Amino acid sequence: VLQARWEQYEFERDITAMVIAGEL
């Protein structure tokens, strides 16, 4: 469960970084 939550956190963090950088 912890591993899945951490992977979800990393995924959402990467998406946020892409939004801020205008990559999407």
mmCIF file of all heavy atoms, coordinates in Angstrom:
data_MODEL
# 
_entry.id   MODEL 
# 
loop_
_atom_site.group_PDB 
_atom_site.id 
_atom_site.type_symbol 
_atom_site.label_atom_id 
_atom_site.label_alt_id 
_atom_site.label_comp_id 
_atom_site.label_asym_id 
_atom_site.label_entity_id 
_atom_site.label_seq_id 
_atom_site.pdbx_PDB_ins_code 
_atom_site.Cartn_x 
_atom_site.Cartn_y 
_atom_site.Cartn_z 
_atom_site.occupancy 
_atom_site.B_iso_or_equiv 
_atom_site.pdbx_formal_charge 
_atom_site.auth_seq_id 
_atom_site.auth_comp_id 
_atom_site.auth_asym_id 
_atom_site.auth_atom_id 
_atom_site.pdbx_PDB_model_num 
ATOM 1   N N   . VAL A 1 1  ? 0.841  -1.205 0.000   1.00 0.00 ? 1  VAL A N   1 
ATOM 2   C CA  . VAL A 1 1  ? 0.000  0.000  0.000   1.00 0.00 ? 1  VAL A CA  1 
ATOM 3   C C   . VAL A 1 1  ? 0.873  1.251  0.000   1.00 0.00 ? 1  VAL A C   1 
ATOM 4   O O   . VAL A 1 1  ? 0.634  2.213  -0.747  1.00 0.00 ? 1  VAL A O   1 
ATOM 5   C CB  . VAL A 1 1  ? -0.948 -0.007 1.208   1.00 0.00 ? 1  VAL A CB  1 
ATOM 6   C CG1 . VAL A 1 1  ? -1.685 1.324  1.327   1.00 0.00 ? 1  VAL A CG1 1 
ATOM 7   C CG2 . VAL A 1 1  ? -1.954 -1.142 1.082   1.00 0.00 ? 1  VAL A CG2 1 
ATOM 8   N N   . LEU A 1 2  ? 1.904  1.259  0.860   1.00 0.00 ? 2  LEU A N   1 
ATOM 9   C CA  . LEU A 1 2  ? 2.805  2.400  0.914   1.00 0.00 ? 2  LEU A CA  1 
ATOM 10  C C   . LEU A 1 2  ? 3.505  2.628  -0.429  1.00 0.00 ? 2  LEU A C   1 
ATOM 11  O O   . LEU A 1 2  ? 3.635  3.766  -0.893  1.00 0.00 ? 2  LEU A O   1 
ATOM 12  C CB  . LEU A 1 2  ? 3.845  2.188  2.010   1.00 0.00 ? 2  LEU A CB  1 
ATOM 13  C CG  . LEU A 1 2  ? 3.376  2.397  3.457   1.00 0.00 ? 2  LEU A CG  1 
ATOM 14  C CD1 . LEU A 1 2  ? 4.457  1.953  4.419   1.00 0.00 ? 2  LEU A CD1 1 
ATOM 15  C CD2 . LEU A 1 2  ? 3.019  3.851  3.700   1.00 0.00 ? 2  LEU A CD2 1 
ATOM 16  N N   . GLN A 1 3  ? 3.943  1.545  -1.063  1.00 0.00 ? 3  GLN A N   1 
ATOM 17  C CA  . GLN A 1 3  ? 4.620  1.662  -2.354  1.00 0.00 ? 3  GLN A CA  1 
ATOM 18  C C   . GLN A 1 3  ? 3.679  2.236  -3.411  1.00 0.00 ? 3  GLN A C   1 
ATOM 19  O O   . GLN A 1 3  ? 4.062  3.113  -4.202  1.00 0.00 ? 3  GLN A O   1 
ATOM 20  C CB  . GLN A 1 3  ? 5.151  0.297  -2.791  1.00 0.00 ? 3  GLN A CB  1 
ATOM 21  C CG  . GLN A 1 3  ? 5.903  0.299  -4.112  1.00 0.00 ? 3  GLN A CG  1 
ATOM 22  C CD  . GLN A 1 3  ? 7.196  1.089  -4.033  1.00 0.00 ? 3  GLN A CD  1 
ATOM 23  O OE1 . GLN A 1 3  ? 7.787  1.184  -2.951  1.00 0.00 ? 3  GLN A OE1 1 
ATOM 24  N NE2 . GLN A 1 3  ? 7.624  1.661  -5.145  1.00 0.00 ? 3  GLN A NE2 1 
ATOM 25  N N   . ALA A 1 4  ? 2.428  1.752  -3.415  1.00 0.00 ? 4  ALA A N   1 
ATOM 26  C CA  . ALA A 1 4  ? 1.465  2.255  -4.388  1.00 0.00 ? 4  ALA A CA  1 
ATOM 27  C C   . ALA A 1 4  ? 1.168  3.741  -4.156  1.00 0.00 ? 4  ALA A C   1 
ATOM 28  O O   . ALA A 1 4  ? 1.069  4.532  -5.115  1.00 0.00 ? 4  ALA A O   1 
ATOM 29  C CB  . ALA A 1 4  ? 0.180  1.435  -4.322  1.00 0.00 ? 4  ALA A CB  1 
ATOM 30  N N   . ARG A 1 5  ? 1.040  4.119  -2.858  1.00 0.00 ? 5  ARG A N   1 
ATOM 31  C CA  . ARG A 1 5  ? 0.772  5.532  -2.559  1.00 0.00 ? 5  ARG A CA  1 
ATOM 32  C C   . ARG A 1 5  ? 1.960  6.407  -2.984  1.00 0.00 ? 5  ARG A C   1 
ATOM 33  O O   . ARG A 1 5  ? 1.780  7.523  -3.471  1.00 0.00 ? 5  ARG A O   1 
ATOM 34  C CB  . ARG A 1 5  ? 0.498  5.684  -1.063  1.00 0.00 ? 5  ARG A CB  1 
ATOM 35  C CG  . ARG A 1 5  ? -0.801 5.031  -0.589  1.00 0.00 ? 5  ARG A CG  1 
ATOM 36  C CD  . ARG A 1 5  ? -2.017 5.824  -1.027  1.00 0.00 ? 5  ARG A CD  1 
ATOM 37  N NE  . ARG A 1 5  ? -2.051 7.141  -0.440  1.00 0.00 ? 5  ARG A NE  1 
ATOM 38  C CZ  . ARG A 1 5  ? -2.552 7.419  0.768   1.00 0.00 ? 5  ARG A CZ  1 
ATOM 39  N NH1 . ARG A 1 5  ? -3.063 6.437  1.491   1.00 0.00 ? 5  ARG A NH1 1 
ATOM 40  N NH2 . ARG A 1 5  ? -2.555 8.642  1.228   1.00 0.00 ? 5  ARG A NH2 1 
ATOM 41  N N   . TRP A 1 6  ? 3.172  5.911  -2.766  1.00 0.00 ? 6  TRP A N   1 
ATOM 42  C CA  . TRP A 1 6  ? 4.354  6.693  -3.139  1.00 0.00 ? 6  TRP A CA  1 
ATOM 43  C C   . TRP A 1 6  ? 4.442  6.852  -4.651  1.00 0.00 ? 6  TRP A C   1 
ATOM 44  O O   . TRP A 1 6  ? 4.765  7.941  -5.155  1.00 0.00 ? 6  TRP A O   1 
ATOM 45  C CB  . TRP A 1 6  ? 5.604  6.013  -2.603  1.00 0.00 ? 6  TRP A CB  1 
ATOM 46  C CG  . TRP A 1 6  ? 6.862  6.739  -2.991  1.00 0.00 ? 6  TRP A CG  1 
ATOM 47  C CD1 . TRP A 1 6  ? 7.760  6.385  -3.943  1.00 0.00 ? 6  TRP A CD1 1 
ATOM 48  C CD2 . TRP A 1 6  ? 7.321  7.980  -2.447  1.00 0.00 ? 6  TRP A CD2 1 
ATOM 49  N NE1 . TRP A 1 6  ? 8.764  7.317  -4.029  1.00 0.00 ? 6  TRP A NE1 1 
ATOM 50  C CE2 . TRP A 1 6  ? 8.527  8.328  -3.121  1.00 0.00 ? 6  TRP A CE2 1 
ATOM 51  C CE3 . TRP A 1 6  ? 6.847  8.849  -1.466  1.00 0.00 ? 6  TRP A CE3 1 
ATOM 52  C CZ2 . TRP A 1 6  ? 9.236  9.476  -2.833  1.00 0.00 ? 6  TRP A CZ2 1 
ATOM 53  C CZ3 . TRP A 1 6  ? 7.567  10.003 -1.187  1.00 0.00 ? 6  TRP A CZ3 1 
ATOM 54  C CH2 . TRP A 1 6  ? 8.738  10.306 -1.856  1.00 0.00 ? 6  TRP A CH2 1 
ATOM 55  N N   . GLU A 1 7  ? 4.170  5.784  -5.388  1.00 0.00 ? 7  GLU A N   1 
ATOM 56  C CA  . GLU A 1 7  ? 4.209  5.873  -6.846  1.00 0.00 ? 7  GLU A CA  1 
ATOM 57  C C   . GLU A 1 7  ? 3.143  6.833  -7.354  1.00 0.00 ? 7  GLU A C   1 
ATOM 58  O O   . GLU A 1 7  ? 3.375  7.592  -8.306  1.00 0.00 ? 7  GLU A O   1 
ATOM 59  C CB  . GLU A 1 7  ? 4.022  4.488  -7.453  1.00 0.00 ? 7  GLU A CB  1 
ATOM 60  C CG  . GLU A 1 7  ? 5.191  3.553  -7.192  1.00 0.00 ? 7  GLU A CG  1 
ATOM 61  C CD  . GLU A 1 7  ? 4.947  2.147  -7.689  1.00 0.00 ? 7  GLU A CD  1 
ATOM 62  O OE1 . GLU A 1 7  ? 3.804  1.883  -8.162  1.00 0.00 ? 7  GLU A OE1 1 
ATOM 63  O OE2 . GLU A 1 7  ? 5.864  1.311  -7.615  1.00 0.00 ? 7  GLU A OE2 1 
ATOM 64  N N   . GLN A 1 8  ? 1.958  6.843  -6.713  1.00 0.00 ? 8  GLN A N   1 
ATOM 65  C CA  . GLN A 1 8  ? 0.910  7.787  -7.091  1.00 0.00 ? 8  GLN A CA  1 
ATOM 66  C C   . GLN A 1 8  ? 1.358  9.228  -6.817  1.00 0.00 ? 8  GLN A C   1 
ATOM 67  O O   . GLN A 1 8  ? 1.128  10.139 -7.622  1.00 0.00 ? 8  GLN A O   1 
ATOM 68  C CB  . GLN A 1 8  ? -0.369 7.473  -6.315  1.00 0.00 ? 8  GLN A CB  1 
ATOM 69  C CG  . GLN A 1 8  ? -1.531 8.432  -6.568  1.00 0.00 ? 8  GLN A CG  1 
ATOM 70  C CD  . GLN A 1 8  ? -2.089 8.315  -7.978  1.00 0.00 ? 8  GLN A CD  1 
ATOM 71  O OE1 . GLN A 1 8  ? -1.865 7.314  -8.651  1.00 0.00 ? 8  GLN A OE1 1 
ATOM 72  N NE2 . GLN A 1 8  ? -2.804 9.345  -8.429  1.00 0.00 ? 8  GLN A NE2 1 
ATOM 73  N N   . TYR A 1 9  ? 2.024  9.415  -5.670  1.00 0.00 ? 9  TYR A N   1 
ATOM 74  C CA  . TYR A 1 9  ? 2.525  10.754 -5.329  1.00 0.00 ? 9  TYR A CA  1 
ATOM 75  C C   . TYR A 1 9  ? 3.552  11.232 -6.362  1.00 0.00 ? 9  TYR A C   1 
ATOM 76  O O   . TYR A 1 9  ? 3.508  12.384 -6.825  1.00 0.00 ? 9  TYR A O   1 
ATOM 77  C CB  . TYR A 1 9  ? 3.150  10.711 -3.937  1.00 0.00 ? 9  TYR A CB  1 
ATOM 78  C CG  . TYR A 1 9  ? 4.007  11.912 -3.608  1.00 0.00 ? 9  TYR A CG  1 
ATOM 79  C CD1 . TYR A 1 9  ? 3.441  13.166 -3.405  1.00 0.00 ? 9  TYR A CD1 1 
ATOM 80  C CD2 . TYR A 1 9  ? 5.394  11.781 -3.501  1.00 0.00 ? 9  TYR A CD2 1 
ATOM 81  C CE1 . TYR A 1 9  ? 4.244  14.271 -3.101  1.00 0.00 ? 9  TYR A CE1 1 
ATOM 82  C CE2 . TYR A 1 9  ? 6.194  12.868 -3.205  1.00 0.00 ? 9  TYR A CE2 1 
ATOM 83  C CZ  . TYR A 1 9  ? 5.611  14.111 -3.003  1.00 0.00 ? 9  TYR A CZ  1 
ATOM 84  O OH  . TYR A 1 9  ? 6.394  15.197 -2.723  1.00 0.00 ? 9  TYR A OH  1 
ATOM 85  N N   . GLU A 1 10 ? 4.487  10.344 -6.744  1.00 0.00 ? 10 GLU A N   1 
ATOM 86  C CA  . GLU A 1 10 ? 5.496  10.734 -7.726  1.00 0.00 ? 10 GLU A CA  1 
ATOM 87  C C   . GLU A 1 10 ? 4.865  11.057 -9.077  1.00 0.00 ? 10 GLU A C   1 
ATOM 88  O O   . GLU A 1 10 ? 5.273  11.995 -9.768  1.00 0.00 ? 10 GLU A O   1 
ATOM 89  C CB  . GLU A 1 10 ? 6.528  9.611  -7.879  1.00 0.00 ? 10 GLU A CB  1 
ATOM 90  C CG  . GLU A 1 10 ? 7.451  9.457  -6.680  1.00 0.00 ? 10 GLU A CG  1 
ATOM 91  C CD  . GLU A 1 10 ? 8.543  8.442  -6.943  1.00 0.00 ? 10 GLU A CD  1 
ATOM 92  O OE1 . GLU A 1 10 ? 8.218  7.375  -7.547  1.00 0.00 ? 10 GLU A OE1 1 
ATOM 93  O OE2 . GLU A 1 10 ? 9.698  8.685  -6.561  1.00 0.00 ? 10 GLU A OE2 1 
ATOM 94  N N   . PHE A 1 11 ? 3.839  10.271 -9.480  1.00 0.00 ? 11 PHE A N   1 
ATOM 95  C CA  . PHE A 1 11 ? 3.157  10.508 -10.745 1.00 0.00 ? 11 PHE A CA  1 
ATOM 96  C C   . PHE A 1 11 ? 2.489  11.888 -10.742 1.00 0.00 ? 11 PHE A C   1 
ATOM 97  O O   . PHE A 1 11 ? 2.645  12.682 -11.678 1.00 0.00 ? 11 PHE A O   1 
ATOM 98  C CB  . PHE A 1 11 ? 2.118  9.407  -10.977 1.00 0.00 ? 11 PHE A CB  1 
ATOM 99  C CG  . PHE A 1 11 ? 1.214  9.648  -12.156 1.00 0.00 ? 11 PHE A CG  1 
ATOM 100 C CD1 . PHE A 1 11 ? 1.658  9.452  -13.457 1.00 0.00 ? 11 PHE A CD1 1 
ATOM 101 C CD2 . PHE A 1 11 ? -0.092 10.094 -11.955 1.00 0.00 ? 11 PHE A CD2 1 
ATOM 102 C CE1 . PHE A 1 11 ? 0.819  9.683  -14.536 1.00 0.00 ? 11 PHE A CE1 1 
ATOM 103 C CE2 . PHE A 1 11 ? -0.933 10.332 -13.027 1.00 0.00 ? 11 PHE A CE2 1 
ATOM 104 C CZ  . PHE A 1 11 ? -0.473 10.128 -14.329 1.00 0.00 ? 11 PHE A CZ  1 
ATOM 105 N N   . GLU A 1 12 ? 1.762  12.184 -9.663  1.00 0.00 ? 12 GLU A N   1 
ATOM 106 C CA  . GLU A 1 12 ? 1.076  13.478 -9.598  1.00 0.00 ? 12 GLU A CA  1 
ATOM 107 C C   . GLU A 1 12 ? 2.078  14.628 -9.518  1.00 0.00 ? 12 GLU A C   1 
ATOM 108 O O   . GLU A 1 12 ? 1.832  15.713 -10.055 1.00 0.00 ? 12 GLU A O   1 
ATOM 109 C CB  . GLU A 1 12 ? 0.138  13.492 -8.394  1.00 0.00 ? 12 GLU A CB  1 
ATOM 110 C CG  . GLU A 1 12 ? -1.021 12.512 -8.530  1.00 0.00 ? 12 GLU A CG  1 
ATOM 111 C CD  . GLU A 1 12 ? -1.946 12.544 -7.330  1.00 0.00 ? 12 GLU A CD  1 
ATOM 112 O OE1 . GLU A 1 12 ? -1.633 13.267 -6.363  1.00 0.00 ? 12 GLU A OE1 1 
ATOM 113 O OE2 . GLU A 1 12 ? -2.991 11.844 -7.363  1.00 0.00 ? 12 GLU A OE2 1 
ATOM 114 N N   . ARG A 1 13 ? 3.216  14.398 -8.846  1.00 0.00 ? 13 ARG A N   1 
ATOM 115 C CA  . ARG A 1 13 ? 4.246  15.450 -8.783  1.00 0.00 ? 13 ARG A CA  1 
ATOM 116 C C   . ARG A 1 13 ? 4.818  15.736 -10.167 1.00 0.00 ? 13 ARG A C   1 
ATOM 117 O O   . ARG A 1 13 ? 5.025  16.901 -10.547 1.00 0.00 ? 13 ARG A O   1 
ATOM 118 C CB  . ARG A 1 13 ? 5.357  14.991 -7.838  1.00 0.00 ? 13 ARG A CB  1 
ATOM 119 C CG  . ARG A 1 13 ? 6.451  16.042 -7.621  1.00 0.00 ? 13 ARG A CG  1 
ATOM 120 C CD  . ARG A 1 13 ? 7.618  15.440 -6.876  1.00 0.00 ? 13 ARG A CD  1 
ATOM 121 N NE  . ARG A 1 13 ? 8.211  14.343 -7.637  1.00 0.00 ? 13 ARG A NE  1 
ATOM 122 C CZ  . ARG A 1 13 ? 9.202  13.583 -7.165  1.00 0.00 ? 13 ARG A CZ  1 
ATOM 123 N NH1 . ARG A 1 13 ? 9.685  13.798 -5.962  1.00 0.00 ? 13 ARG A NH1 1 
ATOM 124 N NH2 . ARG A 1 13 ? 9.709  12.623 -7.917  1.00 0.00 ? 13 ARG A NH2 1 
ATOM 125 N N   . ASP A 1 14 ? 5.056  14.680 -10.955 1.00 0.00 ? 14 ASP A N   1 
ATOM 126 C CA  . ASP A 1 14 ? 5.587  14.875 -12.307 1.00 0.00 ? 14 ASP A CA  1 
ATOM 127 C C   . ASP A 1 14 ? 4.579  15.595 -13.193 1.00 0.00 ? 14 ASP A C   1 
ATOM 128 O O   . ASP A 1 14 ? 4.945  16.465 -14.001 1.00 0.00 ? 14 ASP A O   1 
ATOM 129 C CB  . ASP A 1 14 ? 5.954  13.520 -12.919 1.00 0.00 ? 14 ASP A CB  1 
ATOM 130 C CG  . ASP A 1 14 ? 7.140  12.868 -12.208 1.00 0.00 ? 14 ASP A CG  1 
ATOM 131 O OD1 . ASP A 1 14 ? 7.845  13.581 -11.467 1.00 0.00 ? 14 ASP A OD1 1 
ATOM 132 O OD2 . ASP A 1 14 ? 7.325  11.642 -12.369 1.00 0.00 ? 14 ASP A OD2 1 
ATOM 133 N N   . ILE A 1 15 ? 3.291  15.237 -13.067 1.00 0.00 ? 15 ILE A N   1 
ATOM 134 C CA  . ILE A 1 15 ? 2.255  15.910 -13.855 1.00 0.00 ? 15 ILE A CA  1 
ATOM 135 C C   . ILE A 1 15 ? 2.201  17.391 -13.502 1.00 0.00 ? 15 ILE A C   1 
ATOM 136 O O   . ILE A 1 15 ? 2.096  18.272 -14.370 1.00 0.00 ? 15 ILE A O   1 
ATOM 137 C CB  . ILE A 1 15 ? 0.896  15.238 -13.628 1.00 0.00 ? 15 ILE A CB  1 
ATOM 138 C CG1 . ILE A 1 15 ? 0.892  13.819 -14.208 1.00 0.00 ? 15 ILE A CG1 1 
ATOM 139 C CG2 . ILE A 1 15 ? -0.224 16.062 -14.238 1.00 0.00 ? 15 ILE A CG2 1 
ATOM 140 C CD1 . ILE A 1 15 ? 1.097  13.769 -15.709 1.00 0.00 ? 15 ILE A CD1 1 
ATOM 141 N N   . THR A 1 16 ? 2.299  17.684 -12.179 1.00 0.00 ? 16 THR A N   1 
ATOM 142 C CA  . THR A 1 16 ? 2.262  19.090 -11.750 1.00 0.00 ? 16 THR A CA  1 
ATOM 143 C C   . THR A 1 16 ? 3.439  19.866 -12.330 1.00 0.00 ? 16 THR A C   1 
ATOM 144 O O   . THR A 1 16 ? 3.298  21.003 -12.791 1.00 0.00 ? 16 THR A O   1 
ATOM 145 C CB  . THR A 1 16 ? 2.293  19.153 -10.211 1.00 0.00 ? 16 THR A CB  1 
ATOM 146 O OG1 . THR A 1 16 ? 1.174  18.457 -9.682  1.00 0.00 ? 16 THR A OG1 1 
ATOM 147 C CG2 . THR A 1 16 ? 2.254  20.598 -9.736  1.00 0.00 ? 16 THR A CG2 1 
ATOM 148 N N   . ALA A 1 17 ? 4.616  19.232 -12.315 1.00 0.00 ? 17 ALA A N   1 
ATOM 149 C CA  . ALA A 1 17 ? 5.800  19.904 -12.870 1.00 0.00 ? 17 ALA A CA  1 
ATOM 150 C C   . ALA A 1 17 ? 5.622  20.166 -14.364 1.00 0.00 ? 17 ALA A C   1 
ATOM 151 O O   . ALA A 1 17 ? 6.027  21.228 -14.884 1.00 0.00 ? 17 ALA A O   1 
ATOM 152 C CB  . ALA A 1 17 ? 7.035  19.038 -12.625 1.00 0.00 ? 17 ALA A CB  1 
ATOM 153 N N   . MET A 1 18 ? 5.017  19.228 -15.083 1.00 0.00 ? 18 MET A N   1 
ATOM 154 C CA  . MET A 1 18 ? 4.796  19.409 -16.517 1.00 0.00 ? 18 MET A CA  1 
ATOM 155 C C   . MET A 1 18 ? 3.794  20.529 -16.769 1.00 0.00 ? 18 MET A C   1 
ATOM 156 O O   . MET A 1 18 ? 3.936  21.304 -17.728 1.00 0.00 ? 18 MET A O   1 
ATOM 157 C CB  . MET A 1 18 ? 4.306  18.100 -17.134 1.00 0.00 ? 18 MET A CB  1 
ATOM 158 C CG  . MET A 1 18 ? 5.348  16.984 -17.113 1.00 0.00 ? 18 MET A CG  1 
ATOM 159 S SD  . MET A 1 18 ? 4.705  15.405 -17.728 1.00 0.00 ? 18 MET A SD  1 
ATOM 160 C CE  . MET A 1 18 ? 4.471  15.816 -19.453 1.00 0.00 ? 18 MET A CE  1 
ATOM 161 N N   . VAL A 1 19 ? 2.757  20.633 -15.914 1.00 0.00 ? 19 VAL A N   1 
ATOM 162 C CA  . VAL A 1 19 ? 1.775  21.714 -16.080 1.00 0.00 ? 19 VAL A CA  1 
ATOM 163 C C   . VAL A 1 19 ? 2.425  23.065 -15.871 1.00 0.00 ? 19 VAL A C   1 
ATOM 164 O O   . VAL A 1 19 ? 2.223  24.018 -16.639 1.00 0.00 ? 19 VAL A O   1 
ATOM 165 C CB  . VAL A 1 19 ? 0.599  21.498 -15.099 1.00 0.00 ? 19 VAL A CB  1 
ATOM 166 C CG1 . VAL A 1 19 ? -0.305 22.729 -15.079 1.00 0.00 ? 19 VAL A CG1 1 
ATOM 167 C CG2 . VAL A 1 19 ? -0.197 20.258 -15.480 1.00 0.00 ? 19 VAL A CG2 1 
ATOM 168 N N   . ILE A 1 20 ? 3.236  23.158 -14.785 1.00 0.00 ? 20 ILE A N   1 
ATOM 169 C CA  . ILE A 1 20 ? 3.898  24.438 -14.494 1.00 0.00 ? 20 ILE A CA  1 
ATOM 170 C C   . ILE A 1 20 ? 4.842  24.834 -15.633 1.00 0.00 ? 20 ILE A C   1 
ATOM 171 O O   . ILE A 1 20 ? 4.933  26.011 -16.018 1.00 0.00 ? 20 ILE A O   1 
ATOM 172 C CB  . ILE A 1 20 ? 4.668  24.335 -13.159 1.00 0.00 ? 20 ILE A CB  1 
ATOM 173 C CG1 . ILE A 1 20 ? 3.675  24.138 -12.002 1.00 0.00 ? 20 ILE A CG1 1 
ATOM 174 C CG2 . ILE A 1 20 ? 5.529  25.567 -12.924 1.00 0.00 ? 20 ILE A CG2 1 
ATOM 175 C CD1 . ILE A 1 20 ? 4.341  23.892 -10.664 1.00 0.00 ? 20 ILE A CD1 1 
ATOM 176 N N   . ALA A 1 21 ? 5.547  23.854 -16.203 1.00 0.00 ? 21 ALA A N   1 
ATOM 177 C CA  . ALA A 1 21 ? 6.497  24.151 -17.285 1.00 0.00 ? 21 ALA A CA  1 
ATOM 178 C C   . ALA A 1 21 ? 5.817  24.326 -18.638 1.00 0.00 ? 21 ALA A C   1 
ATOM 179 O O   . ALA A 1 21 ? 6.474  24.656 -19.632 1.00 0.00 ? 21 ALA A O   1 
ATOM 180 C CB  . ALA A 1 21 ? 7.547  23.031 -17.370 1.00 0.00 ? 21 ALA A CB  1 
ATOM 181 N N   . GLY A 1 22 ? 4.512  24.094 -18.708 1.00 0.00 ? 22 GLY A N   1 
ATOM 182 C CA  . GLY A 1 22 ? 3.793  24.230 -19.959 1.00 0.00 ? 22 GLY A CA  1 
ATOM 183 C C   . GLY A 1 22 ? 4.015  23.084 -20.921 1.00 0.00 ? 22 GLY A C   1 
ATOM 184 O O   . GLY A 1 22 ? 3.713  23.215 -22.118 1.00 0.00 ? 22 GLY A O   1 
ATOM 185 N N   . GLU A 1 23 ? 4.548  21.959 -20.424 1.00 0.00 ? 23 GLU A N   1 
ATOM 186 C CA  . GLU A 1 23 ? 4.835  20.835 -21.311 1.00 0.00 ? 23 GLU A CA  1 
ATOM 187 C C   . GLU A 1 23 ? 3.557  20.240 -21.900 1.00 0.00 ? 23 GLU A C   1 
ATOM 188 O O   . GLU A 1 23 ? 3.523  19.837 -23.066 1.00 0.00 ? 23 GLU A O   1 
ATOM 189 C CB  . GLU A 1 23 ? 5.615  19.764 -20.554 1.00 0.00 ? 23 GLU A CB  1 
ATOM 190 C CG  . GLU A 1 23 ? 7.010  20.178 -20.148 1.00 0.00 ? 23 GLU A CG  1 
ATOM 191 C CD  . GLU A 1 23 ? 7.908  20.373 -21.358 1.00 0.00 ? 23 GLU A CD  1 
ATOM 192 O OE1 . GLU A 1 23 ? 7.737  19.625 -22.344 1.00 0.00 ? 23 GLU A OE1 1 
ATOM 193 O OE2 . GLU A 1 23 ? 8.754  21.285 -21.346 1.00 0.00 ? 23 GLU A OE2 1 
ATOM 194 N N   . LEU A 1 24 ? 2.496  20.178 -21.131 1.00 0.00 ? 24 LEU A N   1 
ATOM 195 C CA  . LEU A 1 24 ? 1.260  19.571 -21.626 1.00 0.00 ? 24 LEU A CA  1 
ATOM 196 C C   . LEU A 1 24 ? 0.657  20.411 -22.745 1.00 0.00 ? 24 LEU A C   1 
ATOM 197 O O   . LEU A 1 24 ? 0.119  19.872 -23.722 1.00 0.00 ? 24 LEU A O   1 
ATOM 198 C CB  . LEU A 1 24 ? 0.258  19.397 -20.485 1.00 0.00 ? 24 LEU A CB  1 
ATOM 199 C CG  . LEU A 1 24 ? 0.632  18.381 -19.389 1.00 0.00 ? 24 LEU A CG  1 
ATOM 200 C CD1 . LEU A 1 24 ? -0.515 18.232 -18.404 1.00 0.00 ? 24 LEU A CD1 1 
ATOM 201 C CD2 . LEU A 1 24 ? 0.968  17.034 -20.008 1.00 0.00 ? 24 LEU A CD2 1 
# 
